[in-house]
Amino acid sequence: MPEHQYETNNTSNIEVNDDARLMAMLIYVLSFFTSIYRASNHLAH
């Protein structure tokens, strides 16, 4: 029984890591586009 519980915890940990990676990727892309937007805005003015 404890072994099965450990496997479940391991799976949930992997899911959490995937969510964290996805979130970090989203933030990175957002900041990347924001910097490009600001740069193009600066050049336009």
N, C-alpha and C. Protein backbone atom coordinates (compact mmCIF):
# COMPACT_ATOMS: atom_id res chain seq x y z
N MET A 1 0.82 -1.22 0.00
CA MET A 1 0.00 0.00 0.00
C MET A 1 0.86 1.27 0.00
N PRO A 2 1.86 1.38 0.87
CA PRO A 2 2.69 2.60 0.88
C PRO A 2 3.38 2.83 -0.46
N GLU A 3 3.79 1.75 -1.14
CA GLU A 3 4.46 1.91 -2.43
C GLU A 3 3.54 2.60 -3.43
N HIS A 4 2.29 2.16 -3.46
CA HIS A 4 1.32 2.76 -4.39
C HIS A 4 1.15 4.24 -4.09
N GLN A 5 1.09 4.57 -2.80
CA GLN A 5 0.91 5.97 -2.41
C GLN A 5 2.11 6.79 -2.89
N TYR A 6 3.31 6.21 -2.79
CA TYR A 6 4.52 6.92 -3.21
C TYR A 6 4.46 7.21 -4.71
N GLU A 7 3.99 6.22 -5.48
CA GLU A 7 3.88 6.42 -6.92
C GLU A 7 2.92 7.57 -7.23
N THR A 8 1.80 7.62 -6.51
CA THR A 8 0.83 8.69 -6.73
C THR A 8 1.46 10.04 -6.44
N ASN A 9 2.20 10.13 -5.33
CA ASN A 9 2.85 11.39 -4.98
C ASN A 9 3.87 11.78 -6.05
N ASN A 10 4.59 10.79 -6.56
CA ASN A 10 5.59 11.06 -7.58
C ASN A 10 4.93 11.64 -8.83
N THR A 11 3.80 11.05 -9.24
CA THR A 11 3.09 11.52 -10.42
C THR A 11 2.62 12.95 -10.22
N SER A 12 2.06 13.24 -9.05
CA SER A 12 1.56 14.59 -8.79
C SER A 12 2.72 15.58 -8.80
N ASN A 13 3.89 15.18 -8.30
CA ASN A 13 5.05 16.06 -8.31
C ASN A 13 5.45 16.39 -9.74
N ILE A 14 5.41 15.39 -10.62
CA ILE A 14 5.76 15.62 -12.02
C ILE A 14 4.79 16.62 -12.64
N GLU A 15 3.50 16.47 -12.33
CA GLU A 15 2.50 17.40 -12.87
C GLU A 15 2.79 18.82 -12.40
N VAL A 16 3.12 18.97 -11.12
CA VAL A 16 3.42 20.30 -10.58
C VAL A 16 4.62 20.89 -11.31
N ASN A 17 5.64 20.08 -11.55
CA ASN A 17 6.82 20.57 -12.25
C ASN A 17 6.46 21.03 -13.66
N ASP A 18 5.59 20.29 -14.34
CA ASP A 18 5.16 20.68 -15.68
C ASP A 18 4.44 22.02 -15.63
N ASP A 19 3.55 22.19 -14.64
CA ASP A 19 2.82 23.45 -14.51
C ASP A 19 3.79 24.60 -14.28
N ALA A 20 4.76 24.40 -13.40
CA ALA A 20 5.74 25.45 -13.10
C ALA A 20 6.54 25.81 -14.34
N ARG A 21 6.93 24.80 -15.11
CA ARG A 21 7.71 25.04 -16.33
C ARG A 21 6.86 25.83 -17.32
N LEU A 22 5.59 25.44 -17.47
CA LEU A 22 4.69 26.13 -18.39
C LEU A 22 4.52 27.59 -17.97
N MET A 23 4.36 27.81 -16.66
CA MET A 23 4.17 29.16 -16.15
C MET A 23 5.42 30.01 -16.42
N ALA A 24 6.59 29.45 -16.17
CA ALA A 24 7.84 30.18 -16.40
C ALA A 24 7.99 30.52 -17.88
N MET A 25 7.63 29.57 -18.74
CA MET A 25 7.70 29.79 -20.18
C MET A 25 6.77 30.93 -20.59
N LEU A 26 5.55 30.92 -20.03
CA LEU A 26 4.57 31.96 -20.33
C LEU A 26 5.09 33.33 -19.93
N ILE A 27 5.62 33.42 -18.71
CA ILE A 27 6.14 34.70 -18.21
C ILE A 27 7.31 35.16 -19.09
N TYR A 28 8.18 34.22 -19.48
CA TYR A 28 9.34 34.56 -20.32
C TYR A 28 8.88 35.12 -21.66
N VAL A 29 7.92 34.44 -22.30
CA VAL A 29 7.41 34.89 -23.60
C VAL A 29 6.73 36.25 -23.46
N LEU A 30 5.94 36.41 -22.39
CA LEU A 30 5.24 37.68 -22.17
C LEU A 30 6.23 38.83 -22.02
N SER A 31 7.26 38.64 -21.19
CA SER A 31 8.26 39.69 -20.98
C SER A 31 9.02 39.95 -22.28
N PHE A 32 9.26 38.89 -23.06
CA PHE A 32 9.97 39.03 -24.34
C PHE A 32 9.17 39.92 -25.29
N PHE A 33 7.88 39.62 -25.44
CA PHE A 33 7.03 40.42 -26.33
C PHE A 33 6.86 41.84 -25.79
N THR A 34 6.80 41.99 -24.48
CA THR A 34 6.66 43.32 -23.88
C THR A 34 7.87 44.17 -24.20
N SER A 35 9.06 43.59 -24.11
CA SER A 35 10.28 44.34 -24.40
C SER A 35 10.32 44.74 -25.88
N ILE A 36 9.90 43.83 -26.76
CA ILE A 36 9.86 44.14 -28.20
C ILE A 36 8.86 45.27 -28.45
N TYR A 37 7.70 45.19 -27.81
CA TYR A 37 6.66 46.21 -27.98
C TYR A 37 7.18 47.57 -27.53
N ARG A 38 7.85 47.59 -26.39
CA ARG A 38 8.39 48.86 -25.88
C ARG A 38 9.45 49.40 -26.82
N ALA A 39 10.31 48.52 -27.34
CA ALA A 39 11.38 48.96 -28.24
C ALA A 39 10.78 49.55 -29.52
N SER A 40 9.79 48.88 -30.10
CA SER A 40 9.17 49.38 -31.33
C SER A 40 8.44 50.69 -31.05
N ASN A 41 7.81 50.80 -29.89
CA ASN A 41 7.14 52.04 -29.50
C ASN A 41 8.15 53.17 -29.39
N HIS A 42 9.29 52.89 -28.80
CA HIS A 42 10.34 53.89 -28.62
C HIS A 42 10.86 54.34 -29.98
N LEU A 43 11.03 53.39 -30.90
CA LEU A 43 11.54 53.73 -32.23
C LEU A 43 10.51 54.55 -33.00
N ALA A 44 9.24 54.24 -32.82
CA ALA A 44 8.18 54.97 -33.54
C ALA A 44 8.18 56.44 -33.12
N HIS A 45 8.39 56.69 -31.83
CA HIS A 45 8.43 58.08 -31.36
C HIS A 45 9.83 58.62 -31.59
